[in-house]
PDB file of N, CA and C in Angstrom:
ATOM      1  N   MET A   1     -48.969 124.682  51.209  1.00  0.00           N
ATOM      2  CA  MET A   1     -50.215 123.953  50.999  1.00  0.00           C
ATOM      3  C   MET A   1     -50.638 124.212  49.523  1.00  0.00           C
ATOM      4  N   ALA A   2     -51.154 123.119  48.794  1.00  0.00           N
ATOM      5  CA  ALA A   2     -51.610 123.310  47.413  1.00  0.00           C
ATOM      6  C   ALA A   2     -53.025 124.064  47.258  1.00  0.00           C
ATOM      7  N   GLU A   3     -53.291 124.968  46.283  1.00  0.00           N
ATOM      8  CA  GLU A   3     -54.281 125.620  46.034  1.00  0.00           C
ATOM      9  C   GLU A   3     -55.233 124.795  45.174  1.00  0.00           C
ATOM     10  N   TYR A   4     -56.637 124.993  45.822  1.00  0.00           N
ATOM     11  CA  TYR A   4     -57.616 124.313  44.917  1.00  0.00           C
ATOM     12  C   TYR A   4     -57.802 124.969  43.675  1.00  0.00           C
ATOM     13  N   ILE A   5     -58.082 124.312  42.781  1.00  0.00           N
ATOM     14  CA  ILE A   5     -58.680 124.790  41.323  1.00  0.00           C
ATOM     15  C   ILE A   5     -60.047 124.888  41.260  1.00  0.00           C
ATOM     16  N   TYR A   6     -60.807 124.325  41.997  1.00  0.00           N
ATOM     17  CA  TYR A   6     -62.326 124.351  42.096  1.00  0.00           C
ATOM     18  C   TYR A   6     -62.816 124.240  43.555  1.00  0.00           C
ATOM     19  N   THR A   7     -63.572 125.019  43.826  1.00  0.00           N
ATOM     20  CA  THR A   7     -64.228 124.970  45.147  1.00  0.00           C
ATOM     21  C   THR A   7     -65.719 125.223  45.119  1.00  0.00           C
ATOM     22  N   MET A   8     -66.640 124.280  45.665  1.00  0.00           N
ATOM     23  CA  MET A   8     -67.951 124.417  45.871  1.00  0.00           C
ATOM     24  C   MET A   8     -68.362 124.362  47.384  1.00  0.00           C
ATOM     25  N   TYR A   9     -68.992 125.380  47.793  1.00  0.00           N
ATOM     26  CA  TYR A   9     -69.249 125.290  49.402  1.00  0.00           C
ATOM     27  C   TYR A   9     -70.783 125.687  49.653  1.00  0.00           C
ATOM     28  N   LYS A  10     -71.283 124.585  50.253  1.00  0.00           N
ATOM     29  CA  LYS A  10     -72.605 124.750  50.847  1.00  0.00           C
ATOM     30  C   LYS A  10     -73.708 125.054  49.665  1.00  0.00           C
ATOM     31  N   ALA A  11     -73.450 124.487  48.569  1.00  0.00           N
ATOM     32  CA  ALA A  11     -74.144 124.714  47.464  1.00  0.00           C
ATOM     33  C   ALA A  11     -75.730 123.945  47.547  1.00  0.00           C
ATOM     34  N   ARG A  12     -76.504 124.834  46.987  1.00  0.00           N
ATOM     35  CA  ARG A  12     -77.931 124.310  46.965  1.00  0.00           C
ATOM     36  C   ARG A  12     -78.501 124.721  45.803  1.00  0.00           C
ATOM     37  N   LYS A  13     -79.327 123.722  45.147  1.00  0.00           N
ATOM     38  CA  LYS A  13     -79.868 124.095  43.841  1.00  0.00           C
ATOM     39  C   LYS A  13     -81.361 123.535  43.883  1.00  0.00           C
ATOM     40  N   ALA A  14     -82.342 124.319  43.873  1.00  0.00           N
ATOM     41  CA  ALA A  14     -83.752 123.891  43.879  1.00  0.00           C
ATOM     42  C   ALA A  14     -84.439 124.401  42.571  1.00  0.00           C
ATOM     43  N   HIS A  15     -85.350 123.803  42.185  1.00  0.00           N
ATOM     44  CA  HIS A  15     -86.367 124.363  41.094  1.00  0.00           C
ATOM     45  C   HIS A  15     -87.744 124.287  41.813  1.00  0.00           C
ATOM     46  N   GLY A  16     -88.109 125.567  42.301  1.00  0.00           N
ATOM     47  CA  GLY A  16     -89.469 125.397  42.908  1.00  0.00           C
ATOM     48  C   GLY A  16     -89.229 124.821  44.245  1.00  0.00           C
ATOM     49  N   ASP A  17     -90.107 123.905  44.531  1.00  0.00           N
ATOM     50  CA  ASP A  17     -90.076 123.050  45.756  1.00  0.00           C
ATOM     51  C   ASP A  17     -89.098 121.866  45.703  1.00  0.00           C
ATOM     52  N   LYS A  18     -88.578 121.427  44.503  1.00  0.00           N
ATOM     53  CA  LYS A  18     -87.915 120.301  44.290  1.00  0.00           C
ATOM     54  C   LYS A  18     -86.327 120.627  44.478  1.00  0.00           C
ATOM     55  N   VAL A  19     -85.826 120.061  45.649  1.00  0.00           N
ATOM     56  CA  VAL A  19     -84.345 120.332  46.019  1.00  0.00           C
ATOM     57  C   VAL A  19     -83.611 119.353  45.088  1.00  0.00           C
ATOM     58  N   ILE A  20     -82.601 119.716  44.265  1.00  0.00           N
ATOM     59  CA  ILE A  20     -81.637 118.888  43.347  1.00  0.00           C
ATOM     60  C   ILE A  20     -80.590 118.735  44.326  1.00  0.00           C
ATOM     61  N   LEU A  21     -79.800 119.612  44.943  1.00  0.00           N
ATOM     62  CA  LEU A  21     -78.648 119.489  45.557  1.00  0.00           C
ATOM     63  C   LEU A  21     -78.850 120.239  46.829  1.00  0.00           C
ATOM     64  N   ASP A  22     -78.235 119.814  47.941  1.00  0.00           N
ATOM     65  CA  ASP A  22     -78.355 120.407  49.181  1.00  0.00           C
ATOM     66  C   ASP A  22     -77.134 120.239  50.084  1.00  0.00           C
ATOM     67  N   ASP A  23     -76.596 121.547  50.275  1.00  0.00           N
ATOM     68  CA  ASP A  23     -75.293 121.495  51.279  1.00  0.00           C
ATOM     69  C   ASP A  23     -74.183 120.839  50.703  1.00  0.00           C
ATOM     70  N   VAL A  24     -73.836 120.943  49.309  1.00  0.00           N
ATOM     71  CA  VAL A  24     -72.753 120.149  48.908  1.00  0.00           C
ATOM     72  C   VAL A  24     -71.507 121.057  48.756  1.00  0.00           C
ATOM     73  N   SER A  25     -70.541 120.423  49.504  1.00  0.00           N
ATOM     74  CA  SER A  25     -69.149 120.927  49.399  1.00  0.00           C
ATOM     75  C   SER A  25     -68.215 120.226  48.864  1.00  0.00           C
ATOM     76  N   LEU A  26     -67.118 120.671  48.137  1.00  0.00           N
ATOM     77  CA  LEU A  26     -66.182 119.924  47.534  1.00  0.00           C
ATOM     78  C   LEU A  26     -65.045 120.839  47.239  1.00  0.00           C
ATOM     79  N   ASN A  27     -63.880 120.222  46.912  1.00  0.00           N
ATOM     80  CA  ASN A  27     -62.561 120.913  46.664  1.00  0.00           C
ATOM     81  C   ASN A  27     -61.900 120.035  45.514  1.00  0.00           C
ATOM     82  N   PHE A  28     -61.316 120.535  44.501  1.00  0.00           N
ATOM     83  CA  PHE A  28     -60.423 119.775  43.589  1.00  0.00           C
ATOM     84  C   PHE A  28     -58.939 120.512  43.678  1.00  0.00           C
ATOM     85  N   LEU A  29     -57.986 119.683  43.651  1.00  0.00           N
ATOM     86  CA  LEU A  29     -56.613 119.944  43.522  1.00  0.00           C
ATOM     87  C   LEU A  29     -56.326 119.597  42.059  1.00  0.00           C
ATOM     88  N   PRO A  30     -55.282 120.499  41.420  1.00  0.00           N
ATOM     89  CA  PRO A  30     -54.749 120.564  40.367  1.00  0.00           C
ATOM     90  C   PRO A  30     -54.539 118.919  39.945  1.00  0.00           C
ATOM     91  N   GLY A  31     -54.939 118.483  38.751  1.00  0.00           N
ATOM     92  CA  GLY A  31     -54.628 117.113  38.209  1.00  0.00           C
ATOM     93  C   GLY A  31     -55.638 116.216  38.778  1.00  0.00           C
ATOM     94  N   ALA A  32     -56.547 116.492  39.655  1.00  0.00           N
ATOM     95  CA  ALA A  32     -57.644 115.603  40.209  1.00  0.00           C
ATOM     96  C   ALA A  32     -58.382 115.026  39.036  1.00  0.00           C
ATOM     97  N   LYS A  33     -58.536 113.707  39.353  1.00  0.00           N
ATOM     98  CA  LYS A  33     -59.448 112.870  38.420  1.00  0.00           C
ATOM     99  C   LYS A  33     -60.651 112.685  39.376  1.00  0.00           C
ATOM    100  N   ILE A  34     -61.891 112.970  38.801  1.00  0.00           N
ATOM    101  CA  ILE A  34     -63.004 112.735  39.566  1.00  0.00           C
ATOM    102  C   ILE A  34     -64.204 111.740  38.887  1.00  0.00           C
ATOM    103  N   GLY A  35     -64.897 111.142  39.644  1.00  0.00           N
ATOM    104  CA  GLY A  35     -66.252 110.614  38.921  1.00  0.00           C
ATOM    105  C   GLY A  35     -67.306 111.013  39.568  1.00  0.00           C
ATOM    106  N   VAL A  36     -68.491 111.318  39.073  1.00  0.00           N
ATOM    107  CA  VAL A  36     -69.529 111.640  39.690  1.00  0.00           C
ATOM    108  C   VAL A  36     -70.907 110.505  39.392  1.00  0.00           C
ATOM    109  N   VAL A  37     -70.973 109.663  40.501  1.00  0.00           N
ATOM    110  CA  VAL A  37     -71.899 108.680  40.344  1.00  0.00           C
ATOM    111  C   VAL A  37     -73.092 108.772  41.235  1.00  0.00           C
ATOM    112  N   GLY A  38     -74.243 108.284  40.836  1.00  0.00           N
ATOM    113  CA  GLY A  38     -75.453 108.154  41.681  1.00  0.00           C
ATOM    114  C   GLY A  38     -76.543 107.754  40.768  1.00  0.00           C
ATOM    115  N   PRO A  39     -77.798 107.597  41.462  1.00  0.00           N
ATOM    116  CA  PRO A  39     -78.919 107.188  40.906  1.00  0.00           C
ATOM    117  C   PRO A  39     -79.533 108.305  39.845  1.00  0.00           C
ATOM    118  N   ASN A  40     -80.427 108.126  38.933  1.00  0.00           N
ATOM    119  CA  ASN A  40     -81.213 109.086  38.274  1.00  0.00           C
ATOM    120  C   ASN A  40     -81.733 110.142  39.183  1.00  0.00           C
ATOM    121  N   GLY A  41     -81.566 111.159  38.836  1.00  0.00           N
ATOM    122  CA  GLY A  41     -82.271 112.331  39.678  1.00  0.00           C
ATOM    123  C   GLY A  41     -81.633 112.792  40.962  1.00  0.00           C
ATOM    124  N   ALA A  42     -80.431 112.356  41.062  1.00  0.00           N
ATOM    125  CA  ALA A  42     -79.465 112.623  42.298  1.00  0.00           C
ATOM    126  C   ALA A  42     -78.847 113.984  42.168  1.00  0.00           C
ATOM    127  N   GLY A  43     -78.682 114.528  40.894  1.00  0.00           N
ATOM    128  CA  GLY A  43     -77.957 115.791  40.653  1.00  0.00           C
ATOM    129  C   GLY A  43     -76.608 115.875  40.037  1.00  0.00           C
ATOM    130  N   LYS A  44     -76.254 114.696  39.474  1.00  0.00           N
ATOM    131  CA  LYS A  44     -75.089 114.584  38.897  1.00  0.00           C
ATOM    132  C   LYS A  44     -74.744 115.536  37.754  1.00  0.00           C
ATOM    133  N   SER A  45     -75.776 115.732  36.801  1.00  0.00           N
ATOM    134  CA  SER A  45     -75.820 116.690  35.756  1.00  0.00           C
ATOM    135  C   SER A  45     -75.653 118.093  36.320  1.00  0.00           C
ATOM    136  N   THR A  46     -76.517 118.438  37.391  1.00  0.00           N
ATOM    137  CA  THR A  46     -76.682 119.561  37.878  1.00  0.00           C
ATOM    138  C   THR A  46     -75.230 120.022  38.425  1.00  0.00           C
ATOM    139  N   ILE A  47     -74.581 119.167  39.161  1.00  0.00           N
ATOM    140  CA  ILE A  47     -73.150 119.478  39.714  1.00  0.00           C
ATOM    141  C   ILE A  47     -72.307 119.818  38.481  1.00  0.00           C
ATOM    142  N   LEU A  48     -72.230 119.050  37.595  1.00  0.00           N
ATOM    143  CA  LEU A  48     -71.404 119.176  36.263  1.00  0.00           C
ATOM    144  C   LEU A  48     -71.731 120.501  35.758  1.00  0.00           C
ATOM    145  N   LYS A  49     -72.824 120.834  35.524  1.00  0.00           N
ATOM    146  CA  LYS A  49     -73.435 122.209  34.751  1.00  0.00           C
ATOM    147  C   LYS A  49     -72.827 123.307  35.734  1.00  0.00           C
ATOM    148  N   ILE A  50     -72.885 123.241  36.925  1.00  0.00           N
ATOM    149  CA  ILE A  50     -72.718 124.358  37.831  1.00  0.00           C
ATOM    150  C   ILE A  50     -71.005 124.254  37.903  1.00  0.00           C
ATOM    151  N   MET A  51     -70.309 123.353  37.717  1.00  0.00           N
ATOM    152  CA  MET A  51     -68.894 123.338  37.595  1.00  0.00           C
ATOM    153  C   MET A  51     -68.302 123.922  36.334  1.00  0.00           C
ATOM    154  N   ALA A  52     -69.160 123.854  35.332  1.00  0.00           N
ATOM    155  CA  ALA A  52     -68.652 124.338  33.926  1.00  0.00           C
ATOM    156  C   ALA A  52     -69.258 125.623  33.651  1.00  0.00           C
ATOM    157  N   GLY A  53     -70.178 126.184  34.695  1.00  0.00           N
ATOM    158  CA  GLY A  53     -70.487 127.648  34.563  1.00  0.00           C
ATOM    159  C   GLY A  53     -71.630 127.802  33.752  1.00  0.00           C
ATOM    160  N   LEU A  54     -72.248 126.677  33.440  1.00  0.00           N
ATOM    161  CA  LEU A  54     -73.704 126.815  32.670  1.00  0.00           C
ATOM    162  C   LEU A  54     -74.867 126.947  33.557  1.00  0.00           C
ATOM    163  N   ASP A  55     -74.655 126.685  34.932  1.00  0.00           N
ATOM    164  CA  ASP A  55     -75.887 126.964  35.916  1.00  0.00           C
ATOM    165  C   ASP A  55     -74.991 127.617  37.329  1.00  0.00           C
ATOM    166  N   GLN A  56     -75.893 128.121  37.924  1.00  0.00           N
ATOM    167  CA  GLN A  56     -75.408 128.617  39.155  1.00  0.00           C
ATOM    168  C   GLN A  56     -76.138 127.913  40.349  1.00  0.00           C
ATOM    169  N   PRO A  57     -75.604 127.798  41.554  1.00  0.00           N
ATOM    170  CA  PRO A  57     -76.299 127.343  42.684  1.00  0.00           C
ATOM    171  C   PRO A  57     -77.365 128.424  43.212  1.00  0.00           C
ATOM    172  N   SER A  58     -78.419 127.752  43.703  1.00  0.00           N
ATOM    173  CA  SER A  58     -79.437 128.750  44.252  1.00  0.00           C
ATOM    174  C   SER A  58     -78.959 129.461  45.511  1.00  0.00           C
ATOM    175  N   ASN A  59     -78.208 128.971  46.319  1.00  0.00           N
ATOM    176  CA  ASN A  59     -77.297 129.421  47.326  1.00  0.00           C
ATOM    177  C   ASN A  59     -76.123 128.696  47.580  1.00  0.00           C
ATOM    178  N   GLY A  60     -75.079 129.392  48.315  1.00  0.00           N
ATOM    179  CA  GLY A  60     -73.842 128.734  48.449  1.00  0.00           C
ATOM    180  C   GLY A  60     -72.880 129.283  47.410  1.00  0.00           C
ATOM    181  N   GLU A  61     -71.679 128.723  47.153  1.00  0.00           N
ATOM    182  CA  GLU A  61     -70.697 129.246  46.392  1.00  0.00           C
ATOM    183  C   GLU A  61     -70.053 128.325  45.460  1.00  0.00           C
ATOM    184  N   ALA A  62     -69.722 128.655  44.222  1.00  0.00           N
ATOM    185  CA  ALA A  62     -69.224 127.689  43.306  1.00  0.00           C
ATOM    186  C   ALA A  62     -68.127 128.497  42.542  1.00  0.00           C
ATOM    187  N   ARG A  63     -66.838 128.215  42.726  1.00  0.00           N
ATOM    188  CA  ARG A  63     -65.807 129.114  41.990  1.00  0.00           C
ATOM    189  C   ARG A  63     -64.632 128.271  41.570  1.00  0.00           C
ATOM    190  N   LEU A  64     -64.050 128.773  40.372  1.00  0.00           N
ATOM    191  CA  LEU A  64     -62.937 128.284  39.632  1.00  0.00           C
ATOM    192  C   LEU A  64     -61.847 129.130  39.783  1.00  0.00           C
ATOM    193  N   ALA A  65     -60.706 128.698  39.991  1.00  0.00           N
ATOM    194  CA  ALA A  65     -59.620 129.430  40.090  1.00  0.00           C
ATOM    195  C   ALA A  65     -59.271 130.084  38.815  1.00  0.00           C
ATOM    196  N   PRO A  66     -58.720 131.457  39.072  1.00  0.00           N
ATOM    197  CA  PRO A  66     -58.358 132.099  37.669  1.00  0.00           C
ATOM    198  C   PRO A  66     -57.304 131.312  36.866  1.00  0.00           C
ATOM    199  N   GLY A  67     -57.478 131.310  35.831  1.00  0.00           N
ATOM    200  CA  GLY A  67     -56.548 130.602  34.808  1.00  0.00           C
ATOM    201  C   GLY A  67     -56.937 129.338  34.348  1.00  0.00           C
ATOM    202  N   TYR A  68     -57.989 128.691  34.965  1.00  0.00           N
ATOM    203  CA  TYR A  68     -58.558 127.442  34.670  1.00  0.00           C
ATOM    204  C   TYR A  68     -59.758 127.438  34.129  1.00  0.00           C
ATOM    205  N   THR A  69     -60.036 126.479  33.463  1.00  0.00           N
ATOM    206  CA  THR A  69     -61.372 126.272  32.710  1.00  0.00           C
ATOM    207  C   THR A  69     -61.816 124.801  32.792  1.00  0.00           C
ATOM    208  N   VAL A  70     -63.367 124.798  32.769  1.00  0.00           N
ATOM    209  CA  VAL A  70     -63.840 123.435  32.845  1.00  0.00           C
ATOM    210  C   VAL A  70     -64.622 123.235  31.540  1.00  0.00           C
ATOM    211  N   GLY A  71     -64.484 122.168  30.988  1.00  0.00           N
ATOM    212  CA  GLY A  71     -65.121 121.700  29.680  1.00  0.00           C
ATOM    213  C   GLY A  71     -66.321 120.681  30.201  1.00  0.00           C
ATOM    214  N   ILE A  72     -67.362 120.677  29.173  1.00  0.00           N
ATOM    215  CA  ILE A  72     -68.354 119.703  29.658  1.00  0.00           C
ATOM    216  C   ILE A  72     -69.024 119.335  28.250  1.00  0.00           C
ATOM    217  N   LEU A  73     -69.199 118.021  28.075  1.00  0.00           N
ATOM    218  CA  LEU A  73     -69.840 117.407  27.012  1.00  0.00           C
ATOM    219  C   LEU A  73     -71.156 117.087  27.228  1.00  0.00           C
ATOM    220  N   GLN A  74     -72.015 117.934  26.643  1.00  0.00           N
ATOM    221  CA  GLN A  74     -73.514 117.856  27.173  1.00  0.00           C
ATOM    222  C   GLN A  74     -74.146 116.377  26.870  1.00  0.00           C
ATOM    223  N   GLN A  75     -74.983 116.163  27.849  1.00  0.00           N
ATOM    224  CA  GLN A  75     -75.624 114.822  27.703  1.00  0.00           C
ATOM    225  C   GLN A  75     -76.633 114.805  26.498  1.00  0.00           C
ATOM    226  N   GLU A  76     -77.215 115.996  26.319  1.00  0.00           N
ATOM    227  CA  GLU A  76     -78.101 115.935  25.113  1.00  0.00           C
ATOM    228  C   GLU A  76     -77.553 117.250  24.282  1.00  0.00           C
ATOM    229  N   PRO A  77     -76.546 117.078  23.460  1.00  0.00           N
ATOM    230  CA  PRO A  77     -75.974 118.154  22.527  1.00  0.00           C
ATOM    231  C   PRO A  77     -77.165 118.857  21.889  1.00  0.00           C
ATOM    232  N   PRO A  78     -76.979 120.199  21.511  1.00  0.00           N
ATOM    233  CA  PRO A  78     -78.034 120.776  20.592  1.00  0.00           C
ATOM    234  C   PRO A  78     -77.734 120.481  19.236  1.00  0.00           C
ATOM    235  N   LEU A  79     -78.777 120.258  18.470  1.00  0.00           N
ATOM    236  CA  LEU A  79     -78.778 119.857  17.026  1.00  0.00           C
ATOM    237  C   LEU A  79     -78.886 121.090  16.056  1.00  0.00           C
ATOM    238  N   ASP A  80     -78.388 121.167  15.029  1.00  0.00           N
ATOM    239  CA  ASP A  80     -78.485 122.223  13.969  1.00  0.00           C
ATOM    240  C   ASP A  80     -79.598 121.559  13.247  1.00  0.00           C
ATOM    241  N   GLU A  81     -80.762 122.137  13.137  1.00  0.00           N
ATOM    242  CA  GLU A  81     -81.876 121.666  12.407  1.00  0.00           C
ATOM    243  C   GLU A  81     -81.746 121.992  10.985  1.00  0.00           C
ATOM    244  N   THR A  82     -80.611 122.723  10.425  1.00  0.00           N
ATOM    245  CA  THR A  82     -80.421 123.141   9.069  1.00  0.00           C
ATOM    246  C   THR A  82     -79.569 121.968   8.399  1.00  0.00           C
ATOM    247  N   ARG A  83     -79.027 121.161   9.325  1.00  0.00           N
ATOM    248  CA  ARG A  83     -78.025 120.232   8.786  1.00  0.00           C
ATOM    249  C   ARG A  83     -78.772 118.795   8.738  1.00  0.00           C
ATOM    250  N   THR A  84     -78.154 117.864   8.064  1.00  0.00           N
ATOM    251  CA  THR A  84     -78.628 116.256   8.159  1.00  0.00           C
ATOM    252  C   THR A  84     -78.071 115.933   9.363  1.00  0.00           C
ATOM    253  N   VAL A  85     -78.444 114.658   9.471  1.00  0.00           N
ATOM    254  CA  VAL A  85     -78.089 113.661  10.667  1.00  0.00           C
ATOM    255  C   VAL A  85     -76.528 113.669  10.623  1.00  0.00           C
ATOM    256  N   LEU A  86     -76.167 113.205   9.433  1.00  0.00           N
ATOM    257  CA  LEU A  86     -74.669 113.047   9.205  1.00  0.00           C
ATOM    258  C   LEU A  86     -73.934 114.410   9.479  1.00  0.00           C
ATOM    259  N   GLY A  87     -74.594 115.481   8.864  1.00  0.00           N
ATOM    260  CA  GLY A  87     -73.906 116.863   9.091  1.00  0.00           C
ATOM    261  C   GLY A  87     -73.574 117.207  10.726  1.00  0.00           C
ATOM    262  N   ASN A  88     -74.712 116.938  11.474  1.00  0.00           N
ATOM    263  CA  ASN A  88     -74.750 117.049  12.940  1.00  0.00           C
ATOM    264  C   ASN A  88     -73.761 116.138  13.435  1.00  0.00           C
ATOM    265  N   VAL A  89     -73.665 114.895  13.093  1.00  0.00           N
ATOM    266  CA  VAL A  89     -72.601 114.165  13.649  1.00  0.00           C
ATOM    267  C   VAL A  89     -71.129 114.611  13.279  1.00  0.00           C
ATOM    268  N   GLU A  90     -70.854 115.205  12.005  1.00  0.00           N
ATOM    269  CA  GLU A  90     -69.629 115.622  11.630  1.00  0.00           C
ATOM    270  C   GLU A  90     -69.208 116.793  12.442  1.00  0.00           C
ATOM    271  N   LEU A  91     -70.139 117.614  12.854  1.00  0.00           N
ATOM    272  CA  LEU A  91     -69.942 118.683  13.898  1.00  0.00           C
ATOM    273  C   LEU A  91     -69.247 118.059  15.108  1.00  0.00           C
ATOM    274  N   GLY A  92     -69.528 117.048  15.558  1.00  0.00           N
ATOM    275  CA  GLY A  92     -68.996 116.500  16.762  1.00  0.00           C
ATOM    276  C   GLY A  92     -67.820 115.838  16.657  1.00  0.00           C
ATOM    277  N   VAL A  93     -67.310 115.519  15.583  1.00  0.00           N
ATOM    278  CA  VAL A  93     -66.078 114.786  15.394  1.00  0.00           C
ATOM    279  C   VAL A  93     -64.915 115.790  15.355  1.00  0.00           C
TER     280      VAL A  93
END
């Protein structure tokens, strides 16, 4: 049986009383292609941030298999205020 490269089990993420994710479980096999779709505020970015290790679930588990990495292109990338607009764009190229 193939080993999962990523597992999320019964993950929950809340900010105060606002629940963003509740009881999310998923597994990915090597080579999986995924899409995360849903309306605004559904938790899509939160799931991706947890997968990339930029955030942690409030409860539950999220783990990446050893030897693998997750990359993420931020929805709102940080800007270097010491650079011009063109300079910031060039950093992303």
